[in-house]
Amino acid sequence: MTLPRRLLLYAVGLLIGGGLAWWSFGERLTNAAWTPRERIKLRVAATLVRSTEMAGAALAARGLDLAGVRQAVPHSEVLLPRTRRSGDSLFYSLRTPMGRDTLTLEVQVFEDHRRDSTATLVRVE
């Protein structure tokens, strides 16, 4: 078998395999939802249900509510270097665009999500 024929068969196999993978997995094949930043945003957006009094007051002063923050979380940037642990809690920092402003949110979640799966908004800057 000649080299051009091998390359042609390889290309055909690659196209067939790529087509089957796209048919099987669709958008999941090309998105980045498996990265740590995307997993954090997914968890916070799904479980952010309460805030501390200080964070609630900061949101109210800006004319925002927790539901609006939850909707903006998928468009935010996770600041992984500012993530910290304290006992069994994780504190994530997210830079979130809210209208004209960009807020920095600090969200607390439990490391073991089976114990308590909710997230708490701790601070708004």
PDB file of N, CA and C in Angstrom:
ATOM      1  N   MET A   1       0.850  -1.173   0.000  1.00  0.00           N
ATOM      2  CA  MET A   1       0.000   0.000   0.000  1.00  0.00           C
ATOM      3  C   MET A   1       0.897   1.238   0.000  1.00  0.00           C
ATOM      4  N   THR A   2       0.571   2.188  -0.845  1.00  0.00           N
ATOM      5  CA  THR A   2       1.399   3.382  -0.978  1.00  0.00           C
ATOM      6  C   THR A   2       1.067   4.387   0.123  1.00  0.00           C
ATOM      7  N   LEU A   3       1.972   5.299   0.319  1.00  0.00           N
ATOM      8  CA  LEU A   3       1.794   6.314   1.355  1.00  0.00           C
ATOM      9  C   LEU A   3       0.569   7.203   1.098  1.00  0.00           C
ATOM     10  N   PRO A   4       0.341   7.687  -0.123  1.00  0.00           N
ATOM     11  CA  PRO A   4      -0.863   8.513  -0.346  1.00  0.00           C
ATOM     12  C   PRO A   4      -2.156   7.747  -0.044  1.00  0.00           C
ATOM     13  N   ARG A   5      -2.186   6.463  -0.349  1.00  0.00           N
ATOM     14  CA  ARG A   5      -3.396   5.670  -0.064  1.00  0.00           C
ATOM     15  C   ARG A   5      -3.578   5.523   1.450  1.00  0.00           C
ATOM     16  N   ARG A   6      -2.511   5.314   2.191  1.00  0.00           N
ATOM     17  CA  ARG A   6      -2.598   5.209   3.656  1.00  0.00           C
ATOM     18  C   ARG A   6      -3.099   6.503   4.266  1.00  0.00           C
ATOM     19  N   LEU A   7      -2.576   7.640   3.776  1.00  0.00           N
ATOM     20  CA  LEU A   7      -3.018   8.932   4.294  1.00  0.00           C
ATOM     21  C   LEU A   7      -4.492   9.177   3.981  1.00  0.00           C
ATOM     22  N   LEU A   8      -4.930   8.778   2.794  1.00  0.00           N
ATOM     23  CA  LEU A   8      -6.336   8.931   2.425  1.00  0.00           C
ATOM     24  C   LEU A   8      -7.228   8.085   3.330  1.00  0.00           C
ATOM     25  N   LEU A   9      -6.863   6.833   3.551  1.00  0.00           N
ATOM     26  CA  LEU A   9      -7.650   5.963   4.428  1.00  0.00           C
ATOM     27  C   LEU A   9      -7.645   6.473   5.866  1.00  0.00           C
ATOM     28  N   TYR A  10      -6.512   7.000   6.308  1.00  0.00           N
ATOM     29  CA  TYR A  10      -6.425   7.571   7.648  1.00  0.00           C
ATOM     30  C   TYR A  10      -7.376   8.766   7.780  1.00  0.00           C
ATOM     31  N   ALA A  11      -7.386   9.645   6.755  1.00  0.00           N
ATOM     32  CA  ALA A  11      -8.254  10.819   6.780  1.00  0.00           C
ATOM     33  C   ALA A  11      -9.729  10.407   6.777  1.00  0.00           C
ATOM     34  N   VAL A  12     -10.076   9.407   5.976  1.00  0.00           N
ATOM     35  CA  VAL A  12     -11.458   8.934   5.943  1.00  0.00           C
ATOM     36  C   VAL A  12     -11.854   8.372   7.310  1.00  0.00           C
ATOM     37  N   GLY A  13     -10.993   7.586   7.919  1.00  0.00           N
ATOM     38  CA  GLY A  13     -11.264   7.043   9.252  1.00  0.00           C
ATOM     39  C   GLY A  13     -11.387   8.136  10.298  1.00  0.00           C
ATOM     40  N   LEU A  14     -10.553   9.146  10.181  1.00  0.00           N
ATOM     41  CA  LEU A  14     -10.612  10.268  11.103  1.00  0.00           C
ATOM     42  C   LEU A  14     -11.938  11.020  10.960  1.00  0.00           C
ATOM     43  N   LEU A  15     -12.385  11.234   9.757  1.00  0.00           N
ATOM     44  CA  LEU A  15     -13.676  11.906   9.529  1.00  0.00           C
ATOM     45  C   LEU A  15     -14.838  11.067  10.038  1.00  0.00           C
ATOM     46  N   ILE A  16     -14.811   9.783   9.783  1.00  0.00           N
ATOM     47  CA  ILE A  16     -15.895   8.918  10.264  1.00  0.00           C
ATOM     48  C   ILE A  16     -15.903   8.881  11.794  1.00  0.00           C
ATOM     49  N   GLY A  17     -14.744   8.742  12.406  1.00  0.00           N
ATOM     50  CA  GLY A  17     -14.651   8.730  13.873  1.00  0.00           C
ATOM     51  C   GLY A  17     -15.080  10.047  14.481  1.00  0.00           C
ATOM     52  N   GLY A  18     -14.662  11.165  13.881  1.00  0.00           N
ATOM     53  CA  GLY A  18     -15.077  12.478  14.377  1.00  0.00           C
ATOM     54  C   GLY A  18     -16.575  12.677  14.258  1.00  0.00           C
ATOM     55  N   GLY A  19     -17.149  12.223  13.147  1.00  0.00           N
ATOM     56  CA  GLY A  19     -18.599  12.327  12.966  1.00  0.00           C
ATOM     57  C   GLY A  19     -19.359  11.494  13.978  1.00  0.00           C
ATOM     58  N   LEU A  20     -18.892  10.286  14.246  1.00  0.00           N
ATOM     59  CA  LEU A  20     -19.547   9.434  15.243  1.00  0.00           C
ATOM     60  C   LEU A  20     -19.429  10.022  16.645  1.00  0.00           C
ATOM     61  N   ALA A  21     -18.271  10.589  16.958  1.00  0.00           N
ATOM     62  CA  ALA A  21     -18.092  11.215  18.275  1.00  0.00           C
ATOM     63  C   ALA A  21     -19.030  12.414  18.417  1.00  0.00           C
ATOM     64  N   TRP A  22     -19.139  13.241  17.362  1.00  0.00           N
ATOM     65  CA  TRP A  22     -20.039  14.390  17.416  1.00  0.00           C
ATOM     66  C   TRP A  22     -21.488  13.937  17.545  1.00  0.00           C
ATOM     67  N   TRP A  23     -21.859  12.900  16.831  1.00  0.00           N
ATOM     68  CA  TRP A  23     -23.221  12.381  16.904  1.00  0.00           C
ATOM     69  C   TRP A  23     -23.519  11.833  18.299  1.00  0.00           C
ATOM     70  N   SER A  24     -22.532  11.194  18.919  1.00  0.00           N
ATOM     71  CA  SER A  24     -22.733  10.611  20.250  1.00  0.00           C
ATOM     72  C   SER A  24     -22.733  11.653  21.357  1.00  0.00           C
ATOM     73  N   PHE A  25     -21.803  12.598  21.311  1.00  0.00           N
ATOM     74  CA  PHE A  25     -21.613  13.529  22.417  1.00  0.00           C
ATOM     75  C   PHE A  25     -22.117  14.941  22.149  1.00  0.00           C
ATOM     76  N   GLY A  26     -22.267  15.338  20.919  1.00  0.00           N
ATOM     77  CA  GLY A  26     -22.788  16.660  20.569  1.00  0.00           C
ATOM     78  C   GLY A  26     -21.948  17.782  21.140  1.00  0.00           C
ATOM     79  N   GLU A  27     -22.605  18.773  21.757  1.00  0.00           N
ATOM     80  CA  GLU A  27     -21.916  19.944  22.301  1.00  0.00           C
ATOM     81  C   GLU A  27     -20.963  19.601  23.436  1.00  0.00           C
ATOM     82  N   ARG A  28     -21.216  18.500  24.118  1.00  0.00           N
ATOM     83  CA  ARG A  28     -20.328  18.127  25.233  1.00  0.00           C
ATOM     84  C   ARG A  28     -18.922  17.824  24.747  1.00  0.00           C
ATOM     85  N   LEU A  29     -18.778  17.554  23.457  1.00  0.00           N
ATOM     86  CA  LEU A  29     -17.473  17.235  22.896  1.00  0.00           C
ATOM     87  C   LEU A  29     -16.563  18.459  22.862  1.00  0.00           C
ATOM     88  N   THR A  30     -17.144  19.644  22.688  1.00  0.00           N
ATOM     89  CA  THR A  30     -16.330  20.845  22.509  1.00  0.00           C
ATOM     90  C   THR A  30     -16.431  21.848  23.649  1.00  0.00           C
ATOM     91  N   ASN A  31     -17.326  21.664  24.615  1.00  0.00           N
ATOM     92  CA  ASN A  31     -17.406  22.660  25.683  1.00  0.00           C
ATOM     93  C   ASN A  31     -16.388  22.354  26.774  1.00  0.00           C
ATOM     94  N   ALA A  32     -16.209  23.296  27.665  1.00  0.00           N
ATOM     95  CA  ALA A  32     -15.212  23.150  28.721  1.00  0.00           C
ATOM     96  C   ALA A  32     -15.870  23.017  30.088  1.00  0.00           C
ATOM     97  N   ALA A  33     -17.040  22.397  30.155  1.00  0.00           N
ATOM     98  CA  ALA A  33     -17.768  22.291  31.419  1.00  0.00           C
ATOM     99  C   ALA A  33     -17.081  21.360  32.415  1.00  0.00           C
ATOM    100  N   TRP A  34     -16.051  20.685  32.006  1.00  0.00           N
ATOM    101  CA  TRP A  34     -15.367  19.760  32.899  1.00  0.00           C
ATOM    102  C   TRP A  34     -14.209  20.421  33.635  1.00  0.00           C
ATOM    103  N   THR A  35     -13.863  21.660  33.300  1.00  0.00           N
ATOM    104  CA  THR A  35     -12.737  22.320  33.952  1.00  0.00           C
ATOM    105  C   THR A  35     -13.133  22.760  35.369  1.00  0.00           C
ATOM    106  N   PRO A  36     -12.166  22.927  36.265  1.00  0.00           N
ATOM    107  CA  PRO A  36     -12.490  23.312  37.636  1.00  0.00           C
ATOM    108  C   PRO A  36     -13.280  24.620  37.733  1.00  0.00           C
ATOM    109  N   ARG A  37     -12.918  25.621  36.951  1.00  0.00           N
ATOM    110  CA  ARG A  37     -13.636  26.897  37.000  1.00  0.00           C
ATOM    111  C   ARG A  37     -15.093  26.731  36.598  1.00  0.00           C
ATOM    112  N   GLU A  38     -15.348  25.966  35.562  1.00  0.00           N
ATOM    113  CA  GLU A  38     -16.728  25.753  35.101  1.00  0.00           C
ATOM    114  C   GLU A  38     -17.521  24.922  36.102  1.00  0.00           C
ATOM    115  N   ARG A  39     -16.889  23.950  36.735  1.00  0.00           N
ATOM    116  CA  ARG A  39     -17.577  23.140  37.744  1.00  0.00           C
ATOM    117  C   ARG A  39     -17.956  24.001  38.956  1.00  0.00           C
ATOM    118  N   ILE A  40     -17.069  24.915  39.347  1.00  0.00           N
ATOM    119  CA  ILE A  40     -17.366  25.809  40.467  1.00  0.00           C
ATOM    120  C   ILE A  40     -18.547  26.707  40.116  1.00  0.00           C
ATOM    121  N   LYS A  41     -18.538  27.290  38.915  1.00  0.00           N
ATOM    122  CA  LYS A  41     -19.641  28.160  38.508  1.00  0.00           C
ATOM    123  C   LYS A  41     -20.954  27.386  38.448  1.00  0.00           C
ATOM    124  N   LEU A  42     -20.905  26.157  37.969  1.00  0.00           N
ATOM    125  CA  LEU A  42     -22.113  25.336  37.898  1.00  0.00           C
ATOM    126  C   LEU A  42     -22.653  25.047  39.295  1.00  0.00           C
ATOM    127  N   ARG A  43     -21.750  24.703  40.219  1.00  0.00           N
ATOM    128  CA  ARG A  43     -22.179  24.402  41.590  1.00  0.00           C
ATOM    129  C   ARG A  43     -22.762  25.634  42.275  1.00  0.00           C
ATOM    130  N   VAL A  44     -22.108  26.785  42.131  1.00  0.00           N
ATOM    131  CA  VAL A  44     -22.583  28.001  42.788  1.00  0.00           C
ATOM    132  C   VAL A  44     -23.911  28.449  42.186  1.00  0.00           C
ATOM    133  N   ALA A  45     -24.032  28.409  40.868  1.00  0.00           N
ATOM    134  CA  ALA A  45     -25.278  28.840  40.224  1.00  0.00           C
ATOM    135  C   ALA A  45     -26.452  27.951  40.627  1.00  0.00           C
ATOM    136  N   ALA A  46     -26.187  26.681  40.845  1.00  0.00           N
ATOM    137  CA  ALA A  46     -27.263  25.753  41.188  1.00  0.00           C
ATOM    138  C   ALA A  46     -27.629  25.784  42.669  1.00  0.00           C
ATOM    139  N   THR A  47     -26.708  26.193  43.543  1.00  0.00           N
ATOM    140  CA  THR A  47     -26.952  26.032  44.979  1.00  0.00           C
ATOM    141  C   THR A  47     -26.946  27.331  45.777  1.00  0.00           C
ATOM    142  N   LEU A  48     -26.727  28.469  45.149  1.00  0.00           N
ATOM    143  CA  LEU A  48     -26.692  29.738  45.883  1.00  0.00           C
ATOM    144  C   LEU A  48     -28.116  30.127  46.275  1.00  0.00           C
ATOM    145  N   VAL A  49     -28.463  29.912  47.546  1.00  0.00           N
ATOM    146  CA  VAL A  49     -29.840  30.144  47.989  1.00  0.00           C
ATOM    147  C   VAL A  49     -29.948  31.112  49.161  1.00  0.00           C
ATOM    148  N   ARG A  50     -28.833  31.497  49.753  1.00  0.00           N
ATOM    149  CA  ARG A  50     -28.916  32.398  50.899  1.00  0.00           C
ATOM    150  C   ARG A  50     -27.683  33.290  50.942  1.00  0.00           C
ATOM    151  N   SER A  51     -27.787  34.343  51.737  1.00  0.00           N
ATOM    152  CA  SER A  51     -26.661  35.256  51.908  1.00  0.00           C
ATOM    153  C   SER A  51     -26.604  35.685  53.363  1.00  0.00           C
ATOM    154  N   THR A  52     -25.458  36.146  53.774  1.00  0.00           N
ATOM    155  CA  THR A  52     -25.331  36.689  55.113  1.00  0.00           C
ATOM    156  C   THR A  52     -26.005  38.059  55.145  1.00  0.00           C
ATOM    157  N   GLU A  53     -26.247  38.585  56.336  1.00  0.00           N
ATOM    158  CA  GLU A  53     -26.892  39.894  56.457  1.00  0.00           C
ATOM    159  C   GLU A  53     -26.058  40.987  55.801  1.00  0.00           C
ATOM    160  N   MET A  54     -24.731  40.913  56.001  1.00  0.00           N
ATOM    161  CA  MET A  54     -23.845  41.920  55.436  1.00  0.00           C
ATOM    162  C   MET A  54     -23.881  41.871  53.905  1.00  0.00           C
ATOM    163  N   ALA A  55     -23.849  40.678  53.327  1.00  0.00           N
ATOM    164  CA  ALA A  55     -23.884  40.547  51.867  1.00  0.00           C
ATOM    165  C   ALA A  55     -25.246  40.953  51.317  1.00  0.00           C
ATOM    166  N   GLY A  56     -26.306  40.601  52.019  1.00  0.00           N
ATOM    167  CA  GLY A  56     -27.646  41.003  51.593  1.00  0.00           C
ATOM    168  C   GLY A  56     -27.809  42.511  51.597  1.00  0.00           C
ATOM    169  N   ALA A  57     -27.253  43.159  52.611  1.00  0.00           N
ATOM    170  CA  ALA A  57     -27.327  44.623  52.681  1.00  0.00           C
ATOM    171  C   ALA A  57     -26.516  45.260  51.555  1.00  0.00           C
ATOM    172  N   ALA A  58     -25.359  44.675  51.226  1.00  0.00           N
ATOM    173  CA  ALA A  58     -24.548  45.207  50.132  1.00  0.00           C
ATOM    174  C   ALA A  58     -25.263  45.054  48.791  1.00  0.00           C
ATOM    175  N   LEU A  59     -25.962  43.941  48.612  1.00  0.00           N
ATOM    176  CA  LEU A  59     -26.739  43.752  47.386  1.00  0.00           C
ATOM    177  C   LEU A  59     -27.896  44.741  47.324  1.00  0.00           C
ATOM    178  N   ALA A  60     -28.598  44.904  48.442  1.00  0.00           N
ATOM    179  CA  ALA A  60     -29.739  45.820  48.473  1.00  0.00           C
ATOM    180  C   ALA A  60     -29.302  47.253  48.212  1.00  0.00           C
ATOM    181  N   ALA A  61     -28.130  47.630  48.700  1.00  0.00           N
ATOM    182  CA  ALA A  61     -27.622  48.983  48.474  1.00  0.00           C
ATOM    183  C   ALA A  61     -27.362  49.235  46.990  1.00  0.00           C
ATOM    184  N   ARG A  62     -27.044  48.185  46.238  1.00  0.00           N
ATOM    185  CA  ARG A  62     -26.820  48.309  44.800  1.00  0.00           C
ATOM    186  C   ARG A  62     -28.094  48.049  43.989  1.00  0.00           C
ATOM    187  N   GLY A  63     -29.187  47.751  44.675  1.00  0.00           N
ATOM    188  CA  GLY A  63     -30.442  47.485  43.989  1.00  0.00           C
ATOM    189  C   GLY A  63     -30.495  46.107  43.343  1.00  0.00           C
ATOM    190  N   LEU A  64     -29.759  45.157  43.903  1.00  0.00           N
ATOM    191  CA  LEU A  64     -29.700  43.803  43.357  1.00  0.00           C
ATOM    192  C   LEU A  64     -30.324  42.820  44.331  1.00  0.00           C
ATOM    193  N   ASP A  65     -30.609  41.635  43.828  1.00  0.00           N
ATOM    194  CA  ASP A  65     -31.092  40.572  44.698  1.00  0.00           C
ATOM    195  C   ASP A  65     -30.326  39.289  44.399  1.00  0.00           C
ATOM    196  N   LEU A  66     -30.538  38.297  45.241  1.00  0.00           N
ATOM    197  CA  LEU A  66     -29.801  37.042  45.137  1.00  0.00           C
ATOM    198  C   LEU A  66     -30.131  36.291  43.848  1.00  0.00           C
ATOM    199  N   ALA A  67     -31.359  36.374  43.391  1.00  0.00           N
ATOM    200  CA  ALA A  67     -31.747  35.697  42.149  1.00  0.00           C
ATOM    201  C   ALA A  67     -30.985  36.277  40.956  1.00  0.00           C
ATOM    202  N   GLY A  68     -30.811  37.585  40.933  1.00  0.00           N
ATOM    203  CA  GLY A  68     -30.039  38.216  39.863  1.00  0.00           C
ATOM    204  C   GLY A  68     -28.583  37.814  39.888  1.00  0.00           C
ATOM    205  N   VAL A  69     -28.034  37.687  41.090  1.00  0.00           N
ATOM    206  CA  VAL A  69     -26.642  37.245  41.231  1.00  0.00           C
ATOM    207  C   VAL A  69     -26.502  35.816  40.716  1.00  0.00           C
ATOM    208  N   ARG A  70     -27.460  34.962  41.075  1.00  0.00           N
ATOM    209  CA  ARG A  70     -27.413  33.571  40.619  1.00  0.00           C
ATOM    210  C   ARG A  70     -27.456  33.474  39.100  1.00  0.00           C
ATOM    211  N   GLN A  71     -28.231  34.329  38.467  1.00  0.00           N
ATOM    212  CA  GLN A  71     -28.305  34.319  37.008  1.00  0.00           C
ATOM    213  C   GLN A  71     -27.025  34.834  36.365  1.00  0.00           C
ATOM    214  N   ALA A  72     -26.282  35.680  37.061  1.00  0.00           N
ATOM    215  CA  ALA A  72     -25.048  36.239  36.518  1.00  0.00           C
ATOM    216  C   ALA A  72     -23.841  35.338  36.747  1.00  0.00           C
ATOM    217  N   VAL A  73     -23.945  34.366  37.635  1.00  0.00           N
ATOM    218  CA  VAL A  73     -22.796  33.505  37.972  1.00  0.00           C
ATOM    219  C   VAL A  73     -22.238  32.760  36.753  1.00  0.00           C
ATOM    220  N   PRO A  74     -23.054  32.226  35.837  1.00  0.00           N
ATOM    221  CA  PRO A  74     -22.458  31.536  34.681  1.00  0.00           C
ATOM    222  C   PRO A  74     -21.577  32.421  33.811  1.00  0.00           C
ATOM    223  N   HIS A  75     -21.729  33.741  33.897  1.00  0.00           N
ATOM    224  CA  HIS A  75     -20.927  34.664  33.103  1.00  0.00           C
ATOM    225  C   HIS A  75     -19.751  35.231  33.893  1.00  0.00           C
ATOM    226  N   SER A  76     -19.541  34.731  35.091  1.00  0.00           N
ATOM    227  CA  SER A  76     -18.506  35.285  35.956  1.00  0.00           C
ATOM    228  C   SER A  76     -17.173  34.587  35.730  1.00  0.00           C
ATOM    229  N   GLU A  77     -16.156  35.159  36.362  1.00  0.00           N
ATOM    230  CA  GLU A  77     -14.806  34.608  36.309  1.00  0.00           C
ATOM    231  C   GLU A  77     -14.452  34.127  37.715  1.00  0.00           C
ATOM    232  N   VAL A  78     -14.018  32.879  37.824  1.00  0.00           N
ATOM    233  CA  VAL A  78     -13.629  32.312  39.114  1.00  0.00           C
ATOM    234  C   VAL A  78     -12.166  32.661  39.363  1.00  0.00           C
ATOM    235  N   LEU A  79     -11.896  33.247  40.505  1.00  0.00           N
ATOM    236  CA  LEU A  79     -10.530  33.615  40.883  1.00  0.00           C
ATOM    237  C   LEU A  79      -9.948  32.503  41.740  1.00  0.00           C
ATOM    238  N   LEU A  80      -9.392  31.490  41.093  1.00  0.00           N
ATOM    239  CA  LEU A  80      -8.892  30.318  41.821  1.00  0.00           C
ATOM    240  C   LEU A  80      -7.778  30.633  42.818  1.00  0.00           C
ATOM    241  N   PRO A  81      -6.849  31.557  42.533  1.00  0.00           N
ATOM    242  CA  PRO A  81      -5.821  31.845  43.548  1.00  0.00           C
ATOM    243  C   PRO A  81      -6.386  32.405  44.852  1.00  0.00           C
ATOM    244  N   ARG A  82      -7.573  32.995  44.812  1.00  0.00           N
ATOM    245  CA  ARG A  82      -8.174  33.549  46.028  1.00  0.00           C
ATOM    246  C   ARG A  82      -9.054  32.540  46.758  1.00  0.00           C
ATOM    247  N   THR A  83      -9.156  31.316  46.245  1.00  0.00           N
ATOM    248  CA  THR A  83      -9.925  30.279  46.927  1.00  0.00           C
ATOM    249  C   THR A  83      -9.204  29.884  48.203  1.00  0.00           C
ATOM    250  N   ARG A  84      -9.962  29.751  49.283  1.00  0.00           N
ATOM    251  CA  ARG A  84      -9.331  29.350  50.547  1.00  0.00           C
ATOM    252  C   ARG A  84     -10.202  28.324  51.251  1.00  0.00           C
ATOM    253  N   ARG A  85      -9.561  27.556  52.101  1.00  0.00           N
ATOM    254  CA  ARG A  85     -10.240  26.537  52.908  1.00  0.00           C
ATOM    255  C   ARG A  85     -10.237  26.982  54.356  1.00  0.00           C
ATOM    256  N   SER A  86     -11.318  26.624  55.031  1.00  0.00           N
ATOM    257  CA  SER A  86     -11.398  26.885  56.461  1.00  0.00           C
ATOM    258  C   SER A  86     -12.203  25.739  57.065  1.00  0.00           C
ATOM    259  N   GLY A  87     -11.522  24.817  57.667  1.00  0.00           N
ATOM    260  CA  GLY A  87     -12.196  23.652  58.226  1.00  0.00           C
ATOM    261  C   GLY A  87     -12.808  22.816  57.123  1.00  0.00           C
ATOM    262  N   ASP A  88     -14.123  22.653  57.160  1.00  0.00           N
ATOM    263  CA  ASP A  88     -14.786  21.858  56.133  1.00  0.00           C
ATOM    264  C   ASP A  88     -15.459  22.741  55.080  1.00  0.00           C
ATOM    265  N   SER A  89     -15.121  24.032  55.047  1.00  0.00           N
ATOM    266  CA  SER A  89     -15.719  24.957  54.084  1.00  0.00           C
ATOM    267  C   SER A  89     -14.711  25.410  53.046  1.00  0.00           C
ATOM    268  N   LEU A  90     -15.218  25.707  51.870  1.00  0.00           N
ATOM    269  CA  LEU A  90     -14.436  26.319  50.797  1.00  0.00           C
ATOM    270  C   LEU A  90     -15.013  27.701  50.533  1.00  0.00           C
ATOM    271  N   PHE A  91     -14.159  28.681  50.333  1.00  0.00           N
ATOM    272  CA  PHE A  91     -14.586  30.035  50.021  1.00  0.00           C
ATOM    273  C   PHE A  91     -14.078  30.370  48.626  1.00  0.00           C
ATOM    274  N   TYR A  92     -15.010  30.531  47.690  1.00  0.00           N
ATOM    275  CA  TYR A  92     -14.674  30.851  46.302  1.00  0.00           C
ATOM    276  C   TYR A  92     -14.878  32.339  46.061  1.00  0.00           C
ATOM    277  N   SER A  93     -13.994  32.936  45.288  1.00  0.00           N
ATOM    278  CA  SER A  93     -14.149  34.326  44.856  1.00  0.00           C
ATOM    279  C   SER A  93     -14.506  34.329  43.385  1.00  0.00           C
ATOM    280  N   LEU A  94     -15.542  35.078  43.048  1.00  0.00           N
ATOM    281  CA  LEU A  94     -15.996  35.188  41.665  1.00  0.00           C
ATOM    282  C   LEU A  94     -16.105  36.654  41.285  1.00  0.00           C
ATOM    283  N   ARG A  95     -15.587  37.012  40.136  1.00  0.00           N
ATOM    284  CA  ARG A  95     -15.736  38.364  39.600  1.00  0.00           C
ATOM    285  C   ARG A  95     -16.902  38.305  38.626  1.00  0.00           C
ATOM    286  N   THR A  96     -18.005  38.992  38.973  1.00  0.00           N
ATOM    287  CA  THR A  96     -19.256  38.850  38.252  1.00  0.00           C
ATOM    288  C   THR A  96     -19.694  40.173  37.648  1.00  0.00           C
ATOM    289  N   PRO A  97     -19.981  40.207  36.339  1.00  0.00           N
ATOM    290  CA  PRO A  97     -20.525  41.430  35.743  1.00  0.00           C
ATOM    291  C   PRO A  97     -22.007  41.563  36.078  1.00  0.00           C
ATOM    292  N   MET A  98     -22.363  42.687  36.660  1.00  0.00           N
ATOM    293  CA  MET A  98     -23.764  42.963  37.025  1.00  0.00           C
ATOM    294  C   MET A  98     -24.120  44.330  36.451  1.00  0.00           C
ATOM    295  N   GLY A  99     -24.722  44.349  35.283  1.00  0.00           N
ATOM    296  CA  GLY A  99     -25.047  45.624  34.650  1.00  0.00           C
ATOM    297  C   GLY A  99     -23.780  46.354  34.267  1.00  0.00           C
ATOM    298  N   ARG A 100     -23.638  47.574  34.766  1.00  0.00           N
ATOM    299  CA  ARG A 100     -22.431  48.367  34.481  1.00  0.00           C
ATOM    300  C   ARG A 100     -21.296  48.057  35.440  1.00  0.00           C
ATOM    301  N   ASP A 101     -21.623  47.491  36.576  1.00  0.00           N
ATOM    302  CA  ASP A 101     -20.620  47.204  37.611  1.00  0.00           C
ATOM    303  C   ASP A 101     -20.062  45.796  37.457  1.00  0.00           C
ATOM    304  N   THR A 102     -18.914  45.595  38.050  1.00  0.00           N
ATOM    305  CA  THR A 102     -18.341  44.265  38.193  1.00  0.00           C
ATOM    306  C   THR A 102     -18.147  44.029  39.685  1.00  0.00           C
ATOM    307  N   LEU A 103     -18.825  43.026  40.201  1.00  0.00           N
ATOM    308  CA  LEU A 103     -18.762  42.720  41.627  1.00  0.00           C
ATOM    309  C   LEU A 103     -17.823  41.556  41.872  1.00  0.00           C
ATOM    310  N   THR A 104     -17.168  41.582  43.011  1.00  0.00           N
ATOM    311  CA  THR A 104     -16.390  40.434  43.463  1.00  0.00           C
ATOM    312  C   THR A 104     -17.176  39.797  44.595  1.00  0.00           C
ATOM    313  N   LEU A 105     -17.569  38.565  44.390  1.00  0.00           N
ATOM    314  CA  LEU A 105     -18.388  37.831  45.352  1.00  0.00           C
ATOM    315  C   LEU A 105     -17.535  36.799  46.063  1.00  0.00           C
ATOM    316  N   GLU A 106     -17.794  36.614  47.340  1.00  0.00           N
ATOM    317  CA  GLU A 106     -17.180  35.522  48.081  1.00  0.00           C
ATOM    318  C   GLU A 106     -18.311  34.581  48.502  1.00  0.00           C
ATOM    319  N   VAL A 107     -18.206  33.338  48.061  1.00  0.00           N
ATOM    320  CA  VAL A 107     -19.255  32.353  48.278  1.00  0.00           C
ATOM    321  C   VAL A 107     -18.686  31.203  49.093  1.00  0.00           C
ATOM    322  N   GLN A 108     -19.432  30.793  50.112  1.00  0.00           N
ATOM    323  CA  GLN A 108     -19.017  29.678  50.957  1.00  0.00           C
ATOM    324  C   GLN A 108     -19.817  28.430  50.584  1.00  0.00           C
ATOM    325  N   VAL A 109     -19.102  27.319  50.410  1.00  0.00           N
ATOM    326  CA  VAL A 109     -19.737  26.019  50.198  1.00  0.00           C
ATOM    327  C   VAL A 109     -19.035  25.010  51.096  1.00  0.00           C
ATOM    328  N   PHE A 110     -19.737  23.946  51.432  1.00  0.00           N
ATOM    329  CA  PHE A 110     -19.101  22.886  52.207  1.00  0.00           C
ATOM    330  C   PHE A 110     -18.324  21.981  51.270  1.00  0.00           C
ATOM    331  N   GLU A 111     -17.181  21.528  51.743  1.00  0.00           N
ATOM    332  CA  GLU A 111     -16.355  20.639  50.928  1.00  0.00           C
ATOM    333  C   GLU A 111     -17.109  19.351  50.615  1.00  0.00           C
ATOM    334  N   ASP A 112     -17.807  18.811  51.602  1.00  0.00           N
ATOM    335  CA  ASP A 112     -18.604  17.601  51.405  1.00  0.00           C
ATOM    336  C   ASP A 112     -20.030  18.031  51.057  1.00  0.00           C
ATOM    337  N   HIS A 113     -20.347  18.023  49.783  1.00  0.00           N
ATOM    338  CA  HIS A 113     -21.657  18.511  49.343  1.00  0.00           C
ATOM    339  C   HIS A 113     -22.795  17.588  49.749  1.00  0.00           C
ATOM    340  N   ARG A 114     -22.480  16.389  50.234  1.00  0.00           N
ATOM    341  CA  ARG A 114     -23.545  15.487  50.693  1.00  0.00           C
ATOM    342  C   ARG A 114     -24.089  15.932  52.045  1.00  0.00           C
ATOM    343  N   ARG A 115     -23.262  16.622  52.825  1.00  0.00           N
ATOM    344  CA  ARG A 115     -23.690  17.104  54.132  1.00  0.00           C
ATOM    345  C   ARG A 115     -24.590  18.321  54.022  1.00  0.00           C
ATOM    346  N   ASP A 116     -24.183  19.275  53.225  1.00  0.00           N
ATOM    347  CA  ASP A 116     -24.991  20.473  52.977  1.00  0.00           C
ATOM    348  C   ASP A 116     -24.615  20.973  51.581  1.00  0.00           C
ATOM    349  N   SER A 117     -25.554  20.935  50.671  1.00  0.00           N
ATOM    350  CA  SER A 117     -25.233  21.270  49.286  1.00  0.00           C
ATOM    351  C   SER A 117     -25.490  22.732  48.941  1.00  0.00           C
ATOM    352  N   THR A 118     -25.957  23.530  49.890  1.00  0.00           N
ATOM    353  CA  THR A 118     -26.261  24.921  49.578  1.00  0.00           C
ATOM    354  C   THR A 118     -25.013  25.791  49.654  1.00  0.00           C
ATOM    355  N   ALA A 119     -25.043  26.885  48.904  1.00  0.00           N
ATOM    356  CA  ALA A 119     -23.963  27.864  48.918  1.00  0.00           C
ATOM    357  C   ALA A 119     -24.479  29.139  49.573  1.00  0.00           C
ATOM    358  N   THR A 120     -23.594  29.847  50.255  1.00  0.00           N
ATOM    359  CA  THR A 120     -23.957  31.072  50.959  1.00  0.00           C
ATOM    360  C   THR A 120     -23.094  32.213  50.448  1.00  0.00           C
ATOM    361  N   LEU A 121     -23.730  33.310  50.067  1.00  0.00           N
ATOM    362  CA  LEU A 121     -23.007  34.504  49.679  1.00  0.00           C
ATOM    363  C   LEU A 121     -22.519  35.197  50.946  1.00  0.00           C
ATOM    364  N   VAL A 122     -21.216  35.295  51.106  1.00  0.00           N
ATOM    365  CA  VAL A 122     -20.636  35.809  52.346  1.00  0.00           C
ATOM    366  C   VAL A 122     -20.297  37.289  52.239  1.00  0.00           C
ATOM    367  N   ARG A 123     -19.734  37.696  51.103  1.00  0.00           N
ATOM    368  CA  ARG A 123     -19.272  39.070  50.984  1.00  0.00           C
ATOM    369  C   ARG A 123     -19.438  39.559  49.547  1.00  0.00           C
ATOM    370  N   VAL A 124     -19.724  40.845  49.407  1.00  0.00           N
ATOM    371  CA  VAL A 124     -19.835  41.493  48.099  1.00  0.00           C
ATOM    372  C   VAL A 124     -18.932  42.716  48.118  1.00  0.00           C
ATOM    373  N   GLU A 125     -18.050  42.810  47.145  1.00  0.00           N
ATOM    374  CA  GLU A 125     -17.139  43.968  47.052  1.00  0.00           C
ATOM    375  C   GLU A 125     -17.405  44.716  45.764  1.00  0.00           C
TER     376      GLU A 125
END
